[in-house]
């Protein structure tokens, strides 16, 4: 799971770290090497409609949206690569 203002850049960073063997999530990295890139799918689960306010900063709203998805999907342990209370 993750939230970003620039989804393409975040995905590219994850893919580069996985391909280079330097991704911080060692379980994900191990499975990436064991099963290969084609065994994984990256999906956008939701989008945030930004406010029209000129000083709007979406950071807090993105964190709330991510927390809602973490609660709903529970991608922890055998069900995913997230650690409870932490983001990948």
PDB file of N, CA and C in Angstrom:
ATOM      1  N   UNK A   1       0.848  -1.175   0.000  1.00  0.00           N
ATOM      2  CA  UNK A   1       0.000   0.000   0.000  1.00  0.00           C
ATOM      3  C   UNK A   1       0.886   1.228   0.000  1.00  0.00           C
ATOM      4  N   UNK A   2       0.325   2.276  -0.458  1.00  0.00           N
ATOM      5  CA  UNK A   2       1.039   3.535  -0.439  1.00  0.00           C
ATOM      6  C   UNK A   2       0.167   4.624  -1.008  1.00  0.00           C
ATOM      7  N   UNK A   3       0.494   5.831  -0.671  1.00  0.00           N
ATOM      8  CA  UNK A   3      -0.207   6.998  -1.181  1.00  0.00           C
ATOM      9  C   UNK A   3       0.835   7.943  -1.743  1.00  0.00           C
ATOM     10  N   UNK A   4       0.469   8.625  -2.808  1.00  0.00           N
ATOM     11  CA  UNK A   4       1.432   9.524  -3.427  1.00  0.00           C
ATOM     12  C   UNK A   4       0.715  10.600  -4.225  1.00  0.00           C
ATOM     13  N   UNK A   5       1.345  11.753  -4.304  1.00  0.00           N
ATOM     14  CA  UNK A   5       0.852  12.816  -5.176  1.00  0.00           C
ATOM     15  C   UNK A   5       1.279  12.540  -6.613  1.00  0.00           C
ATOM     16  N   UNK A   6       2.304  11.710  -6.780  1.00  0.00           N
ATOM     17  CA  UNK A   6       2.826  11.358  -8.100  1.00  0.00           C
ATOM     18  C   UNK A   6       2.944   9.836  -8.166  1.00  0.00           C
ATOM     19  N   UNK A   7       1.845   9.195  -8.529  1.00  0.00           N
ATOM     20  CA  UNK A   7       1.780   7.742  -8.523  1.00  0.00           C
ATOM     21  C   UNK A   7       2.802   7.112  -9.472  1.00  0.00           C
ATOM     22  N   UNK A   8       2.963   7.690 -10.630  1.00  0.00           N
ATOM     23  CA  UNK A   8       3.923   7.140 -11.599  1.00  0.00           C
ATOM     24  C   UNK A   8       5.344   7.128 -11.022  1.00  0.00           C
ATOM     25  N   UNK A   9       5.741   8.208 -10.370  1.00  0.00           N
ATOM     26  CA  UNK A   9       7.081   8.279  -9.778  1.00  0.00           C
ATOM     27  C   UNK A   9       7.226   7.251  -8.650  1.00  0.00           C
ATOM     28  N   UNK A  10       6.200   7.105  -7.828  1.00  0.00           N
ATOM     29  CA  UNK A  10       6.264   6.127  -6.729  1.00  0.00           C
ATOM     30  C   UNK A  10       6.388   4.716  -7.267  1.00  0.00           C
ATOM     31  N   UNK A  11       5.590   4.380  -8.269  1.00  0.00           N
ATOM     32  CA  UNK A  11       5.658   3.048  -8.865  1.00  0.00           C
ATOM     33  C   UNK A  11       7.022   2.819  -9.508  1.00  0.00           C
ATOM     34  N   UNK A  12       7.526   3.803 -10.230  1.00  0.00           N
ATOM     35  CA  UNK A  12       8.846   3.671 -10.852  1.00  0.00           C
ATOM     36  C   UNK A  12       9.935   3.449  -9.813  1.00  0.00           C
ATOM     37  N   UNK A  13       9.837   4.125  -8.674  1.00  0.00           N
ATOM     38  CA  UNK A  13      10.824   3.934  -7.606  1.00  0.00           C
ATOM     39  C   UNK A  13      10.774   2.510  -7.070  1.00  0.00           C
ATOM     40  N   UNK A  14       9.554   2.019  -6.807  1.00  0.00           N
ATOM     41  CA  UNK A  14       9.412   0.646  -6.313  1.00  0.00           C
ATOM     42  C   UNK A  14       9.977  -0.353  -7.321  1.00  0.00           C
ATOM     43  N   UNK A  15       9.621  -0.190  -8.580  1.00  0.00           N
ATOM     44  CA  UNK A  15      10.109  -1.120  -9.610  1.00  0.00           C
ATOM     45  C   UNK A  15      11.625  -1.073  -9.738  1.00  0.00           C
ATOM     46  N   UNK A  16      12.194   0.115  -9.712  1.00  0.00           N
ATOM     47  CA  UNK A  16      13.649   0.239  -9.812  1.00  0.00           C
ATOM     48  C   UNK A  16      14.321  -0.425  -8.622  1.00  0.00           C
ATOM     49  N   UNK A  17      13.816  -0.199  -7.411  1.00  0.00           N
ATOM     50  CA  UNK A  17      14.403  -0.811  -6.222  1.00  0.00           C
ATOM     51  C   UNK A  17      14.296  -2.331  -6.259  1.00  0.00           C
ATOM     52  N   UNK A  18      13.172  -2.829  -6.773  1.00  0.00           N
ATOM     53  CA  UNK A  18      13.002  -4.279  -6.884  1.00  0.00           C
ATOM     54  C   UNK A  18      13.971  -4.855  -7.918  1.00  0.00           C
ATOM     55  N   UNK A  19      14.066  -4.228  -9.060  1.00  0.00           N
ATOM     56  CA  UNK A  19      14.958  -4.723 -10.121  1.00  0.00           C
ATOM     57  C   UNK A  19      16.426  -4.647  -9.719  1.00  0.00           C
ATOM     58  N   UNK A  20      16.779  -3.623  -8.951  1.00  0.00           N
ATOM     59  CA  UNK A  20      18.163  -3.459  -8.508  1.00  0.00           C
ATOM     60  C   UNK A  20      18.485  -4.293  -7.259  1.00  0.00           C
ATOM     61  N   UNK A  21      17.455  -4.884  -6.655  1.00  0.00           N
ATOM     62  CA  UNK A  21      17.657  -5.696  -5.466  1.00  0.00           C
ATOM     63  C   UNK A  21      17.894  -4.895  -4.205  1.00  0.00           C
ATOM     64  N   UNK A  22      17.387  -3.658  -4.177  1.00  0.00           N
ATOM     65  CA  UNK A  22      17.616  -2.792  -3.023  1.00  0.00           C
ATOM     66  C   UNK A  22      16.321  -2.327  -2.357  1.00  0.00           C
ATOM     67  N   UNK A  23      15.210  -2.973  -2.661  1.00  0.00           N
ATOM     68  CA  UNK A  23      13.935  -2.558  -2.065  1.00  0.00           C
ATOM     69  C   UNK A  23      13.985  -2.777  -0.557  1.00  0.00           C
ATOM     70  N   UNK A  24      13.487  -1.819   0.239  1.00  0.00           N
ATOM     71  CA  UNK A  24      13.560  -1.951   1.699  1.00  0.00           C
ATOM     72  C   UNK A  24      12.694  -3.074   2.276  1.00  0.00           C
ATOM     73  N   UNK A  25      11.660  -3.495   1.545  1.00  0.00           N
ATOM     74  CA  UNK A  25      10.809  -4.583   2.034  1.00  0.00           C
ATOM     75  C   UNK A  25      11.420  -5.899   1.558  1.00  0.00           C
ATOM     76  N   UNK A  26      12.162  -6.543   2.444  1.00  0.00           N
ATOM     77  CA  UNK A  26      12.916  -7.739   2.071  1.00  0.00           C
ATOM     78  C   UNK A  26      12.028  -8.920   1.691  1.00  0.00           C
ATOM     79  N   UNK A  27      10.848  -9.026   2.281  1.00  0.00           N
ATOM     80  CA  UNK A  27       9.928 -10.106   1.918  1.00  0.00           C
ATOM     81  C   UNK A  27       9.428  -9.911   0.491  1.00  0.00           C
ATOM     82  N   UNK A  28       9.042  -8.706   0.159  1.00  0.00           N
ATOM     83  CA  UNK A  28       8.615  -8.398  -1.199  1.00  0.00           C
ATOM     84  C   UNK A  28       9.757  -8.637  -2.174  1.00  0.00           C
ATOM     85  N   UNK A  29      10.934  -8.198  -1.832  1.00  0.00           N
ATOM     86  CA  UNK A  29      12.101  -8.362  -2.697  1.00  0.00           C
ATOM     87  C   UNK A  29      12.402  -9.844  -2.936  1.00  0.00           C
ATOM     88  N   UNK A  30      12.338 -10.633  -1.887  1.00  0.00           N
ATOM     89  CA  UNK A  30      12.573 -12.084  -2.025  1.00  0.00           C
ATOM     90  C   UNK A  30      11.561 -12.712  -2.974  1.00  0.00           C
ATOM     91  N   UNK A  31      10.278 -12.394  -2.782  1.00  0.00           N
ATOM     92  CA  UNK A  31       9.240 -12.958  -3.643  1.00  0.00           C
ATOM     93  C   UNK A  31       9.369 -12.452  -5.071  1.00  0.00           C
ATOM     94  N   UNK A  32       9.766 -11.208  -5.255  1.00  0.00           N
ATOM     95  CA  UNK A  32       9.982 -10.636  -6.583  1.00  0.00           C
ATOM     96  C   UNK A  32      11.026 -11.464  -7.339  1.00  0.00           C
ATOM     97  N   UNK A  33      12.107 -11.789  -6.650  1.00  0.00           N
ATOM     98  CA  UNK A  33      13.168 -12.574  -7.287  1.00  0.00           C
ATOM     99  C   UNK A  33      12.748 -14.032  -7.477  1.00  0.00           C
ATOM    100  N   UNK A  34      11.990 -14.577  -6.545  1.00  0.00           N
ATOM    101  CA  UNK A  34      11.571 -15.975  -6.638  1.00  0.00           C
ATOM    102  C   UNK A  34      10.519 -16.197  -7.723  1.00  0.00           C
ATOM    103  N   UNK A  35       9.514 -15.317  -7.777  1.00  0.00           N
ATOM    104  CA  UNK A  35       8.386 -15.535  -8.685  1.00  0.00           C
ATOM    105  C   UNK A  35       8.468 -14.716  -9.968  1.00  0.00           C
ATOM    106  N   UNK A  36       9.278 -13.678  -9.986  1.00  0.00           N
ATOM    107  CA  UNK A  36       9.438 -12.854 -11.170  1.00  0.00           C
ATOM    108  C   UNK A  36       8.472 -11.689 -11.232  1.00  0.00           C
ATOM    109  N   UNK A  37       8.839 -10.719 -12.022  1.00  0.00           N
ATOM    110  CA  UNK A  37       8.074  -9.479 -12.173  1.00  0.00           C
ATOM    111  C   UNK A  37       6.642  -9.732 -12.626  1.00  0.00           C
ATOM    112  N   UNK A  38       6.437 -10.727 -13.477  1.00  0.00           N
ATOM    113  CA  UNK A  38       5.108 -10.952 -14.054  1.00  0.00           C
ATOM    114  C   UNK A  38       4.122 -11.567 -13.062  1.00  0.00           C
ATOM    115  N   UNK A  39       4.600 -11.968 -11.887  1.00  0.00           N
ATOM    116  CA  UNK A  39       3.716 -12.516 -10.867  1.00  0.00           C
ATOM    117  C   UNK A  39       3.054 -11.419 -10.035  1.00  0.00           C
ATOM    118  N   UNK A  40       3.420 -10.164 -10.293  1.00  0.00           N
ATOM    119  CA  UNK A  40       2.932  -9.052  -9.484  1.00  0.00           C
ATOM    120  C   UNK A  40       2.092  -8.094 -10.315  1.00  0.00           C
ATOM    121  N   UNK A  41       1.075  -7.538  -9.662  1.00  0.00           N
ATOM    122  CA  UNK A  41       0.207  -6.545 -10.283  1.00  0.00           C
ATOM    123  C   UNK A  41       0.146  -5.353  -9.349  1.00  0.00           C
ATOM    124  N   UNK A  42       0.338  -4.179  -9.903  1.00  0.00           N
ATOM    125  CA  UNK A  42       0.221  -2.947  -9.131  1.00  0.00           C
ATOM    126  C   UNK A  42      -1.035  -2.237  -9.613  1.00  0.00           C
ATOM    127  N   UNK A  43      -1.913  -1.900  -8.682  1.00  0.00           N
ATOM    128  CA  UNK A  43      -3.186  -1.279  -9.033  1.00  0.00           C
ATOM    129  C   UNK A  43      -3.418  -0.005  -8.231  1.00  0.00           C
ATOM    130  N   UNK A  44      -4.067   0.954  -8.857  1.00  0.00           N
ATOM    131  CA  UNK A  44      -4.503   2.146  -8.157  1.00  0.00           C
ATOM    132  C   UNK A  44      -5.875   1.820  -7.572  1.00  0.00           C
ATOM    133  N   UNK A  45      -6.001   1.913  -6.268  1.00  0.00           N
ATOM    134  CA  UNK A  45      -7.248   1.549  -5.602  1.00  0.00           C
ATOM    135  C   UNK A  45      -8.234   2.695  -5.507  1.00  0.00           C
ATOM    136  N   UNK A  46      -7.730   3.906  -5.503  1.00  0.00           N
ATOM    137  CA  UNK A  46      -8.615   5.044  -5.275  1.00  0.00           C
ATOM    138  C   UNK A  46      -7.924   6.313  -5.739  1.00  0.00           C
ATOM    139  N   UNK A  47      -8.685   7.345  -5.904  1.00  0.00           N
ATOM    140  CA  UNK A  47      -8.130   8.658  -6.211  1.00  0.00           C
ATOM    141  C   UNK A  47      -8.750   9.671  -5.262  1.00  0.00           C
ATOM    142  N   UNK A  48      -8.029  10.724  -5.062  1.00  0.00           N
ATOM    143  CA  UNK A  48      -8.473  11.784  -4.166  1.00  0.00           C
ATOM    144  C   UNK A  48      -8.845  12.993  -5.004  1.00  0.00           C
ATOM    145  N   UNK A  49     -10.056  13.462  -4.820  1.00  0.00           N
ATOM    146  CA  UNK A  49     -10.474  14.693  -5.484  1.00  0.00           C
ATOM    147  C   UNK A  49      -9.919  15.859  -4.694  1.00  0.00           C
ATOM    148  N   UNK A  50      -9.000  16.605  -5.274  1.00  0.00           N
ATOM    149  CA  UNK A  50      -8.391  17.702  -4.516  1.00  0.00           C
ATOM    150  C   UNK A  50      -9.371  18.858  -4.299  1.00  0.00           C
ATOM    151  N   UNK A  51      -9.136  19.549  -3.235  1.00  0.00           N
ATOM    152  CA  UNK A  51      -9.912  20.738  -2.918  1.00  0.00           C
ATOM    153  C   UNK A  51      -9.523  21.865  -3.877  1.00  0.00           C
ATOM    154  N   UNK A  52     -10.419  22.787  -4.090  1.00  0.00           N
ATOM    155  CA  UNK A  52     -10.113  23.960  -4.923  1.00  0.00           C
ATOM    156  C   UNK A  52      -9.455  25.078  -4.127  1.00  0.00           C
ATOM    157  N   UNK A  53      -9.299  24.875  -2.836  1.00  0.00           N
ATOM    158  CA  UNK A  53      -8.679  25.901  -1.998  1.00  0.00           C
ATOM    159  C   UNK A  53      -7.234  26.120  -2.451  1.00  0.00           C
ATOM    160  N   UNK A  54      -6.814  27.370  -2.580  1.00  0.00           N
ATOM    161  CA  UNK A  54      -5.475  27.650  -3.110  1.00  0.00           C
ATOM    162  C   UNK A  54      -4.340  27.115  -2.247  1.00  0.00           C
ATOM    163  N   UNK A  55      -4.561  26.967  -0.956  1.00  0.00           N
ATOM    164  CA  UNK A  55      -3.493  26.492  -0.075  1.00  0.00           C
ATOM    165  C   UNK A  55      -3.663  25.014   0.306  1.00  0.00           C
ATOM    166  N   UNK A  56      -4.461  24.289  -0.466  1.00  0.00           N
ATOM    167  CA  UNK A  56      -4.757  22.887  -0.151  1.00  0.00           C
ATOM    168  C   UNK A  56      -3.510  22.018  -0.251  1.00  0.00           C
ATOM    169  N   UNK A  57      -3.277  21.238   0.792  1.00  0.00           N
ATOM    170  CA  UNK A  57      -2.190  20.259   0.819  1.00  0.00           C
ATOM    171  C   UNK A  57      -2.843  18.893   1.015  1.00  0.00           C
ATOM    172  N   UNK A  58      -2.730  17.987   0.048  1.00  0.00           N
ATOM    173  CA  UNK A  58      -3.442  16.711   0.126  1.00  0.00           C
ATOM    174  C   UNK A  58      -2.808  15.672   1.050  1.00  0.00           C
ATOM    175  N   UNK A  59      -1.687  15.976   1.668  1.00  0.00           N
ATOM    176  CA  UNK A  59      -0.953  14.986   2.453  1.00  0.00           C
ATOM    177  C   UNK A  59      -1.821  14.306   3.503  1.00  0.00           C
ATOM    178  N   UNK A  60      -2.512  15.078   4.324  1.00  0.00           N
ATOM    179  CA  UNK A  60      -3.347  14.478   5.378  1.00  0.00           C
ATOM    180  C   UNK A  60      -4.479  13.650   4.786  1.00  0.00           C
ATOM    181  N   UNK A  61      -5.116  14.159   3.741  1.00  0.00           N
ATOM    182  CA  UNK A  61      -6.215  13.424   3.108  1.00  0.00           C
ATOM    183  C   UNK A  61      -5.720  12.123   2.483  1.00  0.00           C
ATOM    184  N   UNK A  62      -4.531  12.141   1.884  1.00  0.00           N
ATOM    185  CA  UNK A  62      -3.960  10.911   1.314  1.00  0.00           C
ATOM    186  C   UNK A  62      -3.675   9.886   2.405  1.00  0.00           C
ATOM    187  N   UNK A  63      -3.188  10.339   3.537  1.00  0.00           N
ATOM    188  CA  UNK A  63      -2.921   9.428   4.654  1.00  0.00           C
ATOM    189  C   UNK A  63      -4.211   8.791   5.176  1.00  0.00           C
ATOM    190  N   UNK A  64      -5.271   9.577   5.255  1.00  0.00           N
ATOM    191  CA  UNK A  64      -6.564   9.051   5.709  1.00  0.00           C
ATOM    192  C   UNK A  64      -7.088   8.034   4.697  1.00  0.00           C
ATOM    193  N   UNK A  65      -7.010   8.354   3.433  1.00  0.00           N
ATOM    194  CA  UNK A  65      -7.483   7.443   2.386  1.00  0.00           C
ATOM    195  C   UNK A  65      -6.698   6.135   2.415  1.00  0.00           C
ATOM    196  N   UNK A  66      -5.380   6.238   2.582  1.00  0.00           N
ATOM    197  CA  UNK A  66      -4.565   5.027   2.673  1.00  0.00           C
ATOM    198  C   UNK A  66      -4.946   4.203   3.904  1.00  0.00           C
ATOM    199  N   UNK A  67      -5.158   4.852   5.025  1.00  0.00           N
ATOM    200  CA  UNK A  67      -5.536   4.152   6.253  1.00  0.00           C
ATOM    201  C   UNK A  67      -6.865   3.418   6.078  1.00  0.00           C
ATOM    202  N   UNK A  68      -7.803   4.026   5.365  1.00  0.00           N
ATOM    203  CA  UNK A  68      -9.085   3.370   5.104  1.00  0.00           C
ATOM    204  C   UNK A  68      -8.884   2.086   4.299  1.00  0.00           C
ATOM    205  N   UNK A  69      -8.029   2.141   3.273  1.00  0.00           N
ATOM    206  CA  UNK A  69      -7.763   0.953   2.458  1.00  0.00           C
ATOM    207  C   UNK A  69      -6.994  -0.106   3.238  1.00  0.00           C
ATOM    208  N   UNK A  70      -6.068   0.312   4.081  1.00  0.00           N
ATOM    209  CA  UNK A  70      -5.355  -0.655   4.910  1.00  0.00           C
ATOM    210  C   UNK A  70      -6.323  -1.371   5.853  1.00  0.00           C
ATOM    211  N   UNK A  71      -7.246  -0.613   6.418  1.00  0.00           N
ATOM    212  CA  UNK A  71      -8.253  -1.203   7.303  1.00  0.00           C
ATOM    213  C   UNK A  71      -9.141  -2.177   6.532  1.00  0.00           C
ATOM    214  N   UNK A  72      -9.530  -1.797   5.349  1.00  0.00           N
ATOM    215  CA  UNK A  72     -10.434  -2.628   4.552  1.00  0.00           C
ATOM    216  C   UNK A  72      -9.747  -3.896   4.050  1.00  0.00           C
ATOM    217  N   UNK A  73      -8.540  -3.792   3.532  1.00  0.00           N
ATOM    218  CA  UNK A  73      -7.872  -4.937   2.902  1.00  0.00           C
ATOM    219  C   UNK A  73      -7.031  -5.773   3.862  1.00  0.00           C
ATOM    220  N   UNK A  74      -6.555  -5.155   4.939  1.00  0.00           N
ATOM    221  CA  UNK A  74      -5.714  -5.854   5.912  1.00  0.00           C
ATOM    222  C   UNK A  74      -4.561  -6.606   5.220  1.00  0.00           C
ATOM    223  N   UNK A  75      -3.718  -5.891   4.449  1.00  0.00           N
ATOM    224  CA  UNK A  75      -2.653  -6.549   3.690  1.00  0.00           C
ATOM    225  C   UNK A  75      -1.397  -6.807   4.535  1.00  0.00           C
ATOM    226  N   UNK A  76      -1.570  -7.568   5.593  1.00  0.00           N
ATOM    227  CA  UNK A  76      -0.491  -7.798   6.541  1.00  0.00           C
ATOM    228  C   UNK A  76      -0.160  -9.290   6.604  1.00  0.00           C
ATOM    229  N   UNK A  77       1.068  -9.605   6.975  1.00  0.00           N
ATOM    230  CA  UNK A  77       1.474 -11.000   7.122  1.00  0.00           C
ATOM    231  C   UNK A  77       1.305 -11.761   5.826  1.00  0.00           C
ATOM    232  N   UNK A  78       0.653 -12.909   5.889  1.00  0.00           N
ATOM    233  CA  UNK A  78       0.461 -13.749   4.705  1.00  0.00           C
ATOM    234  C   UNK A  78      -0.474 -13.112   3.682  1.00  0.00           C
ATOM    235  N   UNK A  79      -1.212 -12.073   4.071  1.00  0.00           N
ATOM    236  CA  UNK A  79      -2.178 -11.438   3.168  1.00  0.00           C
ATOM    237  C   UNK A  79      -1.587 -10.264   2.395  1.00  0.00           C
ATOM    238  N   UNK A  80      -0.315  -9.975   2.575  1.00  0.00           N
ATOM    239  CA  UNK A  80       0.273  -8.843   1.864  1.00  0.00           C
ATOM    240  C   UNK A  80       1.670  -8.525   2.369  1.00  0.00           C
ATOM    241  N   UNK A  81       2.197  -7.423   1.910  1.00  0.00           N
ATOM    242  CA  UNK A  81       3.574  -7.061   2.233  1.00  0.00           C
ATOM    243  C   UNK A  81       3.680  -5.899   3.206  1.00  0.00           C
ATOM    244  N   UNK A  82       2.565  -5.417   3.702  1.00  0.00           N
ATOM    245  CA  UNK A  82       2.613  -4.320   4.656  1.00  0.00           C
ATOM    246  C   UNK A  82       2.801  -4.838   6.060  1.00  0.00           C
ATOM    247  N   UNK A  83       3.431  -4.022   6.881  1.00  0.00           N
ATOM    248  CA  UNK A  83       3.550  -4.328   8.295  1.00  0.00           C
ATOM    249  C   UNK A  83       2.501  -3.494   9.020  1.00  0.00           C
ATOM    250  N   UNK A  84       1.860  -4.078   9.989  1.00  0.00           N
ATOM    251  CA  UNK A  84       0.830  -3.370  10.727  1.00  0.00           C
ATOM    252  C   UNK A  84       1.389  -2.069  11.268  1.00  0.00           C
ATOM    253  N   UNK A  85       0.711  -0.980  10.973  1.00  0.00           N
ATOM    254  CA  UNK A  85       1.135   0.328  11.451  1.00  0.00           C
ATOM    255  C   UNK A  85       2.207   0.984  10.604  1.00  0.00           C
ATOM    256  N   UNK A  86       2.662   0.321   9.552  1.00  0.00           N
ATOM    257  CA  UNK A  86       3.711   0.894   8.710  1.00  0.00           C
ATOM    258  C   UNK A  86       3.341   0.756   7.250  1.00  0.00           C
ATOM    259  N   UNK A  87       3.857   1.684   6.446  1.00  0.00           N
ATOM    260  CA  UNK A  87       3.621   1.657   5.008  1.00  0.00           C
ATOM    261  C   UNK A  87       4.840   1.097   4.308  1.00  0.00           C
ATOM    262  N   UNK A  88       4.614   0.521   3.141  1.00  0.00           N
ATOM    263  CA  UNK A  88       5.731   0.041   2.305  1.00  0.00           C
ATOM    264  C   UNK A  88       6.271   1.195   1.534  1.00  0.00           C
TER     265      UNK A  88
END
